[in-house]
């Protein structure tokens, strides 16, 4: 039956494996398995590298955006300071004109 055939195939493969080992060789299908395992390890490694690269890219983008936000905040603060200084200067000019008028009116 099916199981008897399967058992015979397993015995045959196992005896072939023992023959290869006795000759100091590696069974060809084991080399294929190793190649497949190595390919899987490489694929996993590449996937991990890509994941890490994506994380690094995301972090760099976040830092760039934060830097831009800080720059905009600083520019807004500087604009506010300039505006206040201009207002103070205008107020001083007004006060000086008023004082000059007061002196002239004495």
PDB file of N, CA and C in Angstrom:
ATOM      1  N   UNK A   1       0.815  -1.189   0.000  1.00  0.00           N
ATOM      2  CA  UNK A   1       0.000   0.000   0.000  1.00  0.00           C
ATOM      3  C   UNK A   1       0.861   1.256   0.000  1.00  0.00           C
ATOM      4  N   UNK A   2       0.161   2.326   0.187  1.00  0.00           N
ATOM      5  CA  UNK A   2       0.785   3.647   0.152  1.00  0.00           C
ATOM      6  C   UNK A   2       1.889   3.791   1.210  1.00  0.00           C
ATOM      7  N   UNK A   3       1.555   3.396   2.440  1.00  0.00           N
ATOM      8  CA  UNK A   3       2.524   3.556   3.528  1.00  0.00           C
ATOM      9  C   UNK A   3       3.737   2.656   3.362  1.00  0.00           C
ATOM     10  N   UNK A   4       3.523   1.481   2.827  1.00  0.00           N
ATOM     11  CA  UNK A   4       4.637   0.558   2.578  1.00  0.00           C
ATOM     12  C   UNK A   4       5.572   1.158   1.529  1.00  0.00           C
ATOM     13  N   UNK A   5       4.985   1.746   0.474  1.00  0.00           N
ATOM     14  CA  UNK A   5       5.792   2.404  -0.564  1.00  0.00           C
ATOM     15  C   UNK A   5       6.585   3.569   0.029  1.00  0.00           C
ATOM     16  N   UNK A   6       5.894   4.345   0.842  1.00  0.00           N
ATOM     17  CA  UNK A   6       6.531   5.490   1.483  1.00  0.00           C
ATOM     18  C   UNK A   6       7.689   5.039   2.375  1.00  0.00           C
ATOM     19  N   UNK A   7       7.429   3.983   3.134  1.00  0.00           N
ATOM     20  CA  UNK A   7       8.461   3.436   4.031  1.00  0.00           C
ATOM     21  C   UNK A   7       9.669   2.962   3.218  1.00  0.00           C
ATOM     22  N   UNK A   8       9.429   2.315   2.098  1.00  0.00           N
ATOM     23  CA  UNK A   8      10.519   1.836   1.235  1.00  0.00           C
ATOM     24  C   UNK A   8      11.323   3.013   0.673  1.00  0.00           C
ATOM     25  N   UNK A   9      10.608   4.072   0.254  1.00  0.00           N
ATOM     26  CA  UNK A   9      11.302   5.259  -0.278  1.00  0.00           C
ATOM     27  C   UNK A   9      12.179   5.890   0.805  1.00  0.00           C
ATOM     28  N   UNK A  10      11.645   5.958   2.014  1.00  0.00           N
ATOM     29  CA  UNK A  10      12.420   6.542   3.118  1.00  0.00           C
ATOM     30  C   UNK A  10      13.663   5.694   3.390  1.00  0.00           C
ATOM     31  N   UNK A  11      13.485   4.370   3.417  1.00  0.00           N
ATOM     32  CA  UNK A  11      14.633   3.479   3.644  1.00  0.00           C
ATOM     33  C   UNK A  11      15.670   3.650   2.537  1.00  0.00           C
ATOM     34  N   UNK A  12      15.204   3.744   1.296  1.00  0.00           N
ATOM     35  CA  UNK A  12      16.105   3.908   0.159  1.00  0.00           C
ATOM     36  C   UNK A  12      16.880   5.223   0.284  1.00  0.00           C
ATOM     37  N   UNK A  13      16.151   6.314   0.565  1.00  0.00           N
ATOM     38  CA  UNK A  13      16.804   7.621   0.714  1.00  0.00           C
ATOM     39  C   UNK A  13      17.802   7.602   1.866  1.00  0.00           C
ATOM     40  N   UNK A  14      17.408   6.945   2.965  1.00  0.00           N
ATOM     41  CA  UNK A  14      18.288   6.895   4.126  1.00  0.00           C
ATOM     42  C   UNK A  14      19.545   6.083   3.829  1.00  0.00           C
ATOM     43  N   UNK A  15      19.378   4.981   3.119  1.00  0.00           N
ATOM     44  CA  UNK A  15      20.563   4.171   2.790  1.00  0.00           C
ATOM     45  C   UNK A  15      21.462   4.927   1.800  1.00  0.00           C
ATOM     46  N   UNK A  16      20.851   5.667   0.863  1.00  0.00           N
ATOM     47  CA  UNK A  16      21.651   6.492  -0.044  1.00  0.00           C
ATOM     48  C   UNK A  16      22.426   7.544   0.746  1.00  0.00           C
ATOM     49  N   UNK A  17      21.738   8.141   1.706  1.00  0.00           N
ATOM     50  CA  UNK A  17      22.360   9.148   2.552  1.00  0.00           C
ATOM     51  C   UNK A  17      23.569   8.550   3.281  1.00  0.00           C
ATOM     52  N   UNK A  18      23.380   7.351   3.847  1.00  0.00           N
ATOM     53  CA  UNK A  18      24.478   6.677   4.554  1.00  0.00           C
ATOM     54  C   UNK A  18      25.623   6.356   3.590  1.00  0.00           C
ATOM     55  N   UNK A  19      25.282   5.969   2.366  1.00  0.00           N
ATOM     56  CA  UNK A  19      26.311   5.679   1.360  1.00  0.00           C
ATOM     57  C   UNK A  19      27.134   6.940   1.059  1.00  0.00           C
ATOM     58  N   UNK A  20      26.421   8.059   0.853  1.00  0.00           N
ATOM     59  CA  UNK A  20      27.132   9.312   0.579  1.00  0.00           C
ATOM     60  C   UNK A  20      28.042   9.688   1.744  1.00  0.00           C
ATOM     61  N   UNK A  21      27.506   9.552   2.969  1.00  0.00           N
ATOM     62  CA  UNK A  21      28.310   9.896   4.154  1.00  0.00           C
ATOM     63  C   UNK A  21      29.521   8.983   4.280  1.00  0.00           C
ATOM     64  N   UNK A  22      29.337   7.698   3.953  1.00  0.00           N
ATOM     65  CA  UNK A  22      30.436   6.732   4.019  1.00  0.00           C
ATOM     66  C   UNK A  22      31.546   7.116   3.042  1.00  0.00           C
ATOM     67  N   UNK A  23      31.161   7.726   1.920  1.00  0.00           N
ATOM     68  CA  UNK A  23      32.151   8.163   0.920  1.00  0.00           C
ATOM     69  C   UNK A  23      32.715   9.543   1.250  1.00  0.00           C
ATOM     70  N   UNK A  24      32.238  10.112   2.361  1.00  0.00           N
ATOM     71  CA  UNK A  24      32.711  11.447   2.749  1.00  0.00           C
ATOM     72  C   UNK A  24      32.094  12.550   1.905  1.00  0.00           C
ATOM     73  N   UNK A  25      30.967  12.241   1.274  1.00  0.00           N
ATOM     74  CA  UNK A  25      30.303  13.233   0.433  1.00  0.00           C
ATOM     75  C   UNK A  25      28.986  13.663   1.072  1.00  0.00           C
ATOM     76  N   UNK A  26      28.464  14.733   0.534  1.00  0.00           N
ATOM     77  CA  UNK A  26      27.169  15.204   1.000  1.00  0.00           C
ATOM     78  C   UNK A  26      26.127  14.836  -0.053  1.00  0.00           C
ATOM     79  N   UNK A  27      24.991  14.335   0.383  1.00  0.00           N
ATOM     80  CA  UNK A  27      23.931  13.967  -0.563  1.00  0.00           C
ATOM     81  C   UNK A  27      23.492  15.212  -1.326  1.00  0.00           C
ATOM     82  N   UNK A  28      23.304  15.107  -2.660  1.00  0.00           N
ATOM     83  CA  UNK A  28      22.946  16.269  -3.476  1.00  0.00           C
ATOM     84  C   UNK A  28      21.691  16.985  -2.970  1.00  0.00           C
ATOM     85  N   UNK A  29      20.696  16.231  -2.516  1.00  0.00           N
ATOM     86  CA  UNK A  29      19.468  16.891  -2.054  1.00  0.00           C
ATOM     87  C   UNK A  29      19.702  17.658  -0.758  1.00  0.00           C
ATOM     88  N   UNK A  30      20.721  17.237   0.024  1.00  0.00           N
ATOM     89  CA  UNK A  30      21.050  17.991   1.246  1.00  0.00           C
ATOM     90  C   UNK A  30      21.674  19.343   0.870  1.00  0.00           C
ATOM     91  N   UNK A  31      22.484  19.326  -0.209  1.00  0.00           N
ATOM     92  CA  UNK A  31      23.065  20.588  -0.673  1.00  0.00           C
ATOM     93  C   UNK A  31      21.955  21.536  -1.114  1.00  0.00           C
ATOM     94  N   UNK A  32      20.930  20.970  -1.799  1.00  0.00           N
ATOM     95  CA  UNK A  32      19.795  21.791  -2.225  1.00  0.00           C
ATOM     96  C   UNK A  32      19.064  22.368  -1.015  1.00  0.00           C
ATOM     97  N   UNK A  33      18.905  21.533   0.006  1.00  0.00           N
ATOM     98  CA  UNK A  33      18.241  21.989   1.234  1.00  0.00           C
ATOM     99  C   UNK A  33      19.061  23.111   1.881  1.00  0.00           C
ATOM    100  N   UNK A  34      20.381  22.911   1.949  1.00  0.00           N
ATOM    101  CA  UNK A  34      21.248  23.945   2.521  1.00  0.00           C
ATOM    102  C   UNK A  34      21.163  25.244   1.721  1.00  0.00           C
ATOM    103  N   UNK A  35      21.171  25.118   0.380  1.00  0.00           N
ATOM    104  CA  UNK A  35      21.054  26.308  -0.466  1.00  0.00           C
ATOM    105  C   UNK A  35      19.732  27.025  -0.208  1.00  0.00           C
ATOM    106  N   UNK A  36      18.665  26.241  -0.088  1.00  0.00           N
ATOM    107  CA  UNK A  36      17.347  26.824   0.179  1.00  0.00           C
ATOM    108  C   UNK A  36      17.336  27.496   1.555  1.00  0.00           C
ATOM    109  N   UNK A  37      17.945  26.824   2.548  1.00  0.00           N
ATOM    110  CA  UNK A  37      18.008  27.416   3.898  1.00  0.00           C
ATOM    111  C   UNK A  37      18.817  28.709   3.881  1.00  0.00           C
ATOM    112  N   UNK A  38      19.954  28.699   3.168  1.00  0.00           N
ATOM    113  CA  UNK A  38      20.786  29.899   3.071  1.00  0.00           C
ATOM    114  C   UNK A  38      20.045  31.027   2.368  1.00  0.00           C
ATOM    115  N   UNK A  39      19.294  30.664   1.315  1.00  0.00           N
ATOM    116  CA  UNK A  39      18.508  31.669   0.591  1.00  0.00           C
ATOM    117  C   UNK A  39      17.453  32.265   1.512  1.00  0.00           C
ATOM    118  N   UNK A  40      16.843  31.411   2.337  1.00  0.00           N
ATOM    119  CA  UNK A  40      15.828  31.901   3.289  1.00  0.00           C
ATOM    120  C   UNK A  40      16.467  32.826   4.317  1.00  0.00           C
ATOM    121  N   UNK A  41      17.668  32.451   4.802  1.00  0.00           N
ATOM    122  CA  UNK A  41      18.389  33.300   5.770  1.00  0.00           C
ATOM    123  C   UNK A  41      18.738  34.641   5.131  1.00  0.00           C
ATOM    124  N   UNK A  42      19.229  34.601   3.872  1.00  0.00           N
ATOM    125  CA  UNK A  42      19.552  35.844   3.160  1.00  0.00           C
ATOM    126  C   UNK A  42      18.321  36.711   2.971  1.00  0.00           C
ATOM    127  N   UNK A  43      17.206  36.068   2.594  1.00  0.00           N
ATOM    128  CA  UNK A  43      15.964  36.822   2.378  1.00  0.00           C
ATOM    129  C   UNK A  43      15.516  37.478   3.677  1.00  0.00           C
ATOM    130  N   UNK A  44      15.622  36.732   4.775  1.00  0.00           N
ATOM    131  CA  UNK A  44      15.235  37.277   6.089  1.00  0.00           C
ATOM    132  C   UNK A  44      16.156  38.436   6.458  1.00  0.00           C
ATOM    133  N   UNK A  45      17.449  38.250   6.205  1.00  0.00           N
ATOM    134  CA  UNK A  45      18.431  39.295   6.492  1.00  0.00           C
ATOM    135  C   UNK A  45      18.151  40.541   5.651  1.00  0.00           C
ATOM    136  N   UNK A  46      17.850  40.330   4.359  1.00  0.00           N
ATOM    137  CA  UNK A  46      17.527  41.460   3.478  1.00  0.00           C
ATOM    138  C   UNK A  46      16.263  42.164   3.939  1.00  0.00           C
ATOM    139  N   UNK A  47      15.274  41.377   4.344  1.00  0.00           N
ATOM    140  CA  UNK A  47      14.018  41.962   4.828  1.00  0.00           C
ATOM    141  C   UNK A  47      14.283  42.792   6.087  1.00  0.00           C
ATOM    142  N   UNK A  48      15.126  42.274   6.973  1.00  0.00           N
ATOM    143  CA  UNK A  48      15.467  43.008   8.205  1.00  0.00           C
ATOM    144  C   UNK A  48      16.221  44.295   7.864  1.00  0.00           C
ATOM    145  N   UNK A  49      17.151  44.193   6.907  1.00  0.00           N
ATOM    146  CA  UNK A  49      17.892  45.381   6.475  1.00  0.00           C
ATOM    147  C   UNK A  49      16.942  46.431   5.904  1.00  0.00           C
ATOM    148  N   UNK A  50      15.989  45.960   5.084  1.00  0.00           N
ATOM    149  CA  UNK A  50      15.027  46.883   4.492  1.00  0.00           C
ATOM    150  C   UNK A  50      14.149  47.517   5.575  1.00  0.00           C
ATOM    151  N   UNK A  51      13.777  46.711   6.564  1.00  0.00           N
ATOM    152  CA  UNK A  51      12.950  47.222   7.673  1.00  0.00           C
ATOM    153  C   UNK A  51      13.726  48.292   8.439  1.00  0.00           C
ATOM    154  N   UNK A  52      14.983  48.001   8.726  1.00  0.00           N
ATOM    155  CA  UNK A  52      15.816  48.966   9.452  1.00  0.00           C
ATOM    156  C   UNK A  52      16.038  50.234   8.628  1.00  0.00           C
ATOM    157  N   UNK A  53      16.237  50.060   7.315  1.00  0.00           N
ATOM    158  CA  UNK A  53      16.412  51.222   6.440  1.00  0.00           C
ATOM    159  C   UNK A  53      15.137  52.064   6.422  1.00  0.00           C
ATOM    160  N   UNK A  54      13.988  51.392   6.390  1.00  0.00           N
ATOM    161  CA  UNK A  54      12.710  52.119   6.403  1.00  0.00           C
ATOM    162  C   UNK A  54      12.541  52.879   7.719  1.00  0.00           C
ATOM    163  N   UNK A  55      12.918  52.237   8.826  1.00  0.00           N
ATOM    164  CA  UNK A  55      12.832  52.913  10.131  1.00  0.00           C
ATOM    165  C   UNK A  55      13.762  54.120  10.179  1.00  0.00           C
ATOM    166  N   UNK A  56      14.976  53.948   9.667  1.00  0.00           N
ATOM    167  CA  UNK A  56      15.945  55.046   9.650  1.00  0.00           C
ATOM    168  C   UNK A  56      15.422  56.194   8.787  1.00  0.00           C
ATOM    169  N   UNK A  57      14.829  55.847   7.648  1.00  0.00           N
ATOM    170  CA  UNK A  57      14.264  56.859   6.745  1.00  0.00           C
ATOM    171  C   UNK A  57      13.125  57.605   7.437  1.00  0.00           C
ATOM    172  N   UNK A  58      12.258  56.849   8.113  1.00  0.00           N
ATOM    173  CA  UNK A  58      11.124  57.454   8.824  1.00  0.00           C
ATOM    174  C   UNK A  58      11.630  58.398   9.917  1.00  0.00           C
ATOM    175  N   UNK A  59      12.627  57.942  10.667  1.00  0.00           N
ATOM    176  CA  UNK A  59      13.190  58.759  11.763  1.00  0.00           C
ATOM    177  C   UNK A  59      13.839  60.029  11.199  1.00  0.00           C
ATOM    178  N   UNK A  60      14.564  59.887  10.103  1.00  0.00           N
ATOM    179  CA  UNK A  60      15.202  61.047   9.472  1.00  0.00           C
ATOM    180  C   UNK A  60      14.140  62.044   9.019  1.00  0.00           C
ATOM    181  N   UNK A  61      13.050  61.525   8.457  1.00  0.00           N
ATOM    182  CA  UNK A  61      11.956  62.388   8.004  1.00  0.00           C
ATOM    183  C   UNK A  61      11.338  63.126   9.194  1.00  0.00           C
ATOM    184  N   UNK A  62      11.110  62.388  10.292  1.00  0.00           N
ATOM    185  CA  UNK A  62      10.550  63.015  11.501  1.00  0.00           C
ATOM    186  C   UNK A  62      11.472  64.112  12.018  1.00  0.00           C
ATOM    187  N   UNK A  63      12.776  63.831  12.040  1.00  0.00           N
ATOM    188  CA  UNK A  63      13.745  64.821  12.525  1.00  0.00           C
ATOM    189  C   UNK A  63      13.783  66.045  11.614  1.00  0.00           C
ATOM    190  N   UNK A  64      13.717  65.795  10.291  1.00  0.00           N
ATOM    191  CA  UNK A  64      13.701  66.892   9.321  1.00  0.00           C
ATOM    192  C   UNK A  64      12.463  67.776   9.531  1.00  0.00           C
ATOM    193  N   UNK A  65      11.309  67.110   9.715  1.00  0.00           N
ATOM    194  CA  UNK A  65      10.058  67.850   9.933  1.00  0.00           C
ATOM    195  C   UNK A  65      10.132  68.652  11.231  1.00  0.00           C
ATOM    196  N   UNK A  66      10.701  68.052  12.267  1.00  0.00           N
ATOM    197  CA  UNK A  66      10.831  68.747  13.566  1.00  0.00           C
ATOM    198  C   UNK A  66      11.767  69.952  13.421  1.00  0.00           C
ATOM    199  N   UNK A  67      12.868  69.749  12.704  1.00  0.00           N
ATOM    200  CA  UNK A  67      13.819  70.837  12.469  1.00  0.00           C
ATOM    201  C   UNK A  67      13.130  71.993  11.743  1.00  0.00           C
ATOM    202  N   UNK A  68      12.319  71.658  10.721  1.00  0.00           N
ATOM    203  CA  UNK A  68      11.585  72.686   9.978  1.00  0.00           C
ATOM    204  C   UNK A  68      10.600  73.413  10.888  1.00  0.00           C
ATOM    205  N   UNK A  69       9.915  72.654  11.750  1.00  0.00           N
ATOM    206  CA  UNK A  69       8.943  73.256  12.674  1.00  0.00           C
ATOM    207  C   UNK A  69       9.647  74.219  13.632  1.00  0.00           C
ATOM    208  N   UNK A  70      10.802  73.802  14.146  1.00  0.00           N
ATOM    209  CA  UNK A  70      11.576  74.658  15.059  1.00  0.00           C
ATOM    210  C   UNK A  70      12.021  75.919  14.315  1.00  0.00           C
ATOM    211  N   UNK A  71      12.467  75.738  13.070  1.00  0.00           N
ATOM    212  CA  UNK A  71      12.907  76.875  12.265  1.00  0.00           C
ATOM    213  C   UNK A  71      11.755  77.867  12.068  1.00  0.00           C
ATOM    214  N   UNK A  72      10.558  77.323  11.744  1.00  0.00           N
ATOM    215  CA  UNK A  72       9.384  78.198  11.563  1.00  0.00           C
ATOM    216  C   UNK A  72       9.040  78.925  12.865  1.00  0.00           C
ATOM    217  N   UNK A  73       9.119  78.210  13.998  1.00  0.00           N
ATOM    218  CA  UNK A  73       8.836  78.825  15.303  1.00  0.00           C
ATOM    219  C   UNK A  73       9.822  79.964  15.579  1.00  0.00           C
ATOM    220  N   UNK A  74      11.099  79.702  15.308  1.00  0.00           N
ATOM    221  CA  UNK A  74      12.128  80.727  15.531  1.00  0.00           C
ATOM    222  C   UNK A  74      11.887  81.948  14.636  1.00  0.00           C
ATOM    223  N   UNK A  75      11.546  81.683  13.375  1.00  0.00           N
ATOM    224  CA  UNK A  75      11.281  82.793  12.450  1.00  0.00           C
ATOM    225  C   UNK A  75      10.080  83.607  12.926  1.00  0.00           C
ATOM    226  N   UNK A  76       9.060  82.915  13.429  1.00  0.00           N
ATOM    227  CA  UNK A  76       7.870  83.609  13.933  1.00  0.00           C
ATOM    228  C   UNK A  76       8.233  84.459  15.157  1.00  0.00           C
ATOM    229  N   UNK A  77       9.062  83.912  16.047  1.00  0.00           N
ATOM    230  CA  UNK A  77       9.497  84.666  17.233  1.00  0.00           C
ATOM    231  C   UNK A  77      10.301  85.903  16.815  1.00  0.00           C
ATOM    232  N   UNK A  78      11.212  85.713  15.858  1.00  0.00           N
ATOM    233  CA  UNK A  78      12.028  86.834  15.386  1.00  0.00           C
ATOM    234  C   UNK A  78      11.154  87.909  14.757  1.00  0.00           C
ATOM    235  N   UNK A  79      10.147  87.488  13.985  1.00  0.00           N
ATOM    236  CA  UNK A  79       9.242  88.445  13.356  1.00  0.00           C
ATOM    237  C   UNK A  79       8.480  89.228  14.427  1.00  0.00           C
ATOM    238  N   UNK A  80       8.068  88.529  15.478  1.00  0.00           N
ATOM    239  CA  UNK A  80       7.339  89.174  16.585  1.00  0.00           C
ATOM    240  C   UNK A  80       8.239  90.181  17.297  1.00  0.00           C
ATOM    241  N   UNK A  81       9.493  89.784  17.543  1.00  0.00           N
ATOM    242  CA  UNK A  81      10.446  90.689  18.200  1.00  0.00           C
ATOM    243  C   UNK A  81      10.682  91.925  17.328  1.00  0.00           C
ATOM    244  N   UNK A  82      10.879  91.713  16.022  1.00  0.00           N
ATOM    245  CA  UNK A  82      11.091  92.843  15.106  1.00  0.00           C
ATOM    246  C   UNK A  82       9.893  93.780  15.115  1.00  0.00           C
ATOM    247  N   UNK A  83       8.690  93.194  15.122  1.00  0.00           N
ATOM    248  CA  UNK A  83       7.469  93.983  15.128  1.00  0.00           C
ATOM    249  C   UNK A  83       7.399  94.838  16.400  1.00  0.00           C
ATOM    250  N   UNK A  84       7.707  94.227  17.549  1.00  0.00           N
ATOM    251  CA  UNK A  84       7.674  94.960  18.824  1.00  0.00           C
ATOM    252  C   UNK A  84       8.722  96.072  18.844  1.00  0.00           C
ATOM    253  N   UNK A  85       9.918  95.761  18.334  1.00  0.00           N
ATOM    254  CA  UNK A  85      10.970  96.784  18.297  1.00  0.00           C
ATOM    255  C   UNK A  85      10.558  97.956  17.412  1.00  0.00           C
ATOM    256  N   UNK A  86       9.929  97.659  16.286  1.00  0.00           N
ATOM    257  CA  UNK A  86       9.472  98.701  15.374  1.00  0.00           C
ATOM    258  C   UNK A  86       8.409  99.564  16.060  1.00  0.00           C
ATOM    259  N   UNK A  87       7.478  98.901  16.765  1.00  0.00           N
ATOM    260  CA  UNK A  87       6.437  99.637  17.494  1.00  0.00           C
ATOM    261  C   UNK A  87       7.055 100.536  18.568  1.00  0.00           C
ATOM    262  N   UNK A  88       8.047 100.002  19.290  1.00  0.00           N
ATOM    263  CA  UNK A  88       8.712 100.793  20.334  1.00  0.00           C
ATOM    264  C   UNK A  88       9.430 101.988  19.722  1.00  0.00           C
ATOM    265  N   UNK A  89      10.074 101.759  18.586  1.00  0.00           N
ATOM    266  CA  UNK A  89      10.795 102.833  17.898  1.00  0.00           C
ATOM    267  C   UNK A  89       9.809 103.930  17.467  1.00  0.00           C
ATOM    268  N   UNK A  90       8.677 103.493  16.873  1.00  0.00           N
ATOM    269  CA  UNK A  90       7.652 104.457  16.453  1.00  0.00           C
ATOM    270  C   UNK A  90       7.116 105.238  17.658  1.00  0.00           C
ATOM    271  N   UNK A  91       6.914 104.550  18.762  1.00  0.00           N
ATOM    272  CA  UNK A  91       6.426 105.209  19.991  1.00  0.00           C
ATOM    273  C   UNK A  91       7.456 106.224  20.487  1.00  0.00           C
ATOM    274  N   UNK A  92       8.730 105.881  20.462  1.00  0.00           N
ATOM    275  CA  UNK A  92       9.782 106.816  20.884  1.00  0.00           C
ATOM    276  C   UNK A  92       9.810 108.046  19.973  1.00  0.00           C
ATOM    277  N   UNK A  93       9.647 107.829  18.665  1.00  0.00           N
ATOM    278  CA  UNK A  93       9.627 108.953  17.713  1.00  0.00           C
ATOM    279  C   UNK A  93       8.440 109.864  18.028  1.00  0.00           C
ATOM    280  N   UNK A  94       7.280 109.256  18.293  1.00  0.00           N
ATOM    281  CA  UNK A  94       6.086 110.043  18.652  1.00  0.00           C
ATOM    282  C   UNK A  94       6.325 110.858  19.926  1.00  0.00           C
ATOM    283  N   UNK A  95       6.897 110.171  20.920  1.00  0.00           N
ATOM    284  CA  UNK A  95       7.161 110.859  22.198  1.00  0.00           C
ATOM    285  C   UNK A  95       8.147 112.012  22.001  1.00  0.00           C
ATOM    286  N   UNK A  96       9.150 111.795  21.152  1.00  0.00           N
ATOM    287  CA  UNK A  96      10.135 112.838  20.890  1.00  0.00           C
ATOM    288  C   UNK A  96       9.463 114.042  20.206  1.00  0.00           C
ATOM    289  N   UNK A  97       8.593 113.765  19.229  1.00  0.00           N
ATOM    290  CA  UNK A  97       7.875 114.843  18.534  1.00  0.00           C
ATOM    291  C   UNK A  97       6.996 115.608  19.519  1.00  0.00           C
ATOM    292  N   UNK A  98       6.304 114.828  20.391  1.00  0.00           N
ATOM    293  CA  UNK A  98       5.444 115.475  21.396  1.00  0.00           C
ATOM    294  C   UNK A  98       6.274 116.351  22.330  1.00  0.00           C
ATOM    295  N   UNK A  99       7.426 115.829  22.740  1.00  0.00           N
ATOM    296  CA  UNK A  99       8.290 116.595  23.649  1.00  0.00           C
ATOM    297  C   UNK A  99       8.795 117.857  22.955  1.00  0.00           C
ATOM    298  N   UNK A 100       9.136 117.746  21.689  1.00  0.00           N
ATOM    299  CA  UNK A 100       9.627 118.891  20.923  1.00  0.00           C
ATOM    300  C   UNK A 100       8.521 119.955  20.814  1.00  0.00           C
ATOM    301  N   UNK A 101       7.282 119.513  20.568  1.00  0.00           N
ATOM    302  CA  UNK A 101       6.149 120.448  20.486  1.00  0.00           C
ATOM    303  C   UNK A 101       5.951 121.148  21.827  1.00  0.00           C
ATOM    304  N   UNK A 102       6.050 120.339  22.919  1.00  0.00           N
ATOM    305  CA  UNK A 102       5.876 120.912  24.262  1.00  0.00           C
ATOM    306  C   UNK A 102       6.934 121.975  24.554  1.00  0.00           C
ATOM    307  N   UNK A 103       8.164 121.700  24.121  1.00  0.00           N
ATOM    308  CA  UNK A 103       9.247 122.662  24.347  1.00  0.00           C
ATOM    309  C   UNK A 103       8.960 123.917  23.544  1.00  0.00           C
ATOM    310  N   UNK A 104       8.514 123.754  22.279  1.00  0.00           N
ATOM    311  CA  UNK A 104       8.222 124.907  21.439  1.00  0.00           C
ATOM    312  C   UNK A 104       7.066 125.739  22.006  1.00  0.00           C
ATOM    313  N   UNK A 105       6.132 125.058  22.670  1.00  0.00           N
ATOM    314  CA  UNK A 105       4.969 125.761  23.200  1.00  0.00           C
ATOM    315  C   UNK A 105       5.246 126.474  24.510  1.00  0.00           C
ATOM    316  N   UNK A 106       6.405 126.280  25.094  1.00  0.00           N
ATOM    317  CA  UNK A 106       6.714 126.935  26.376  1.00  0.00           C
ATOM    318  C   UNK A 106       6.934 128.421  26.204  1.00  0.00           C
TER     319      UNK A 106
END
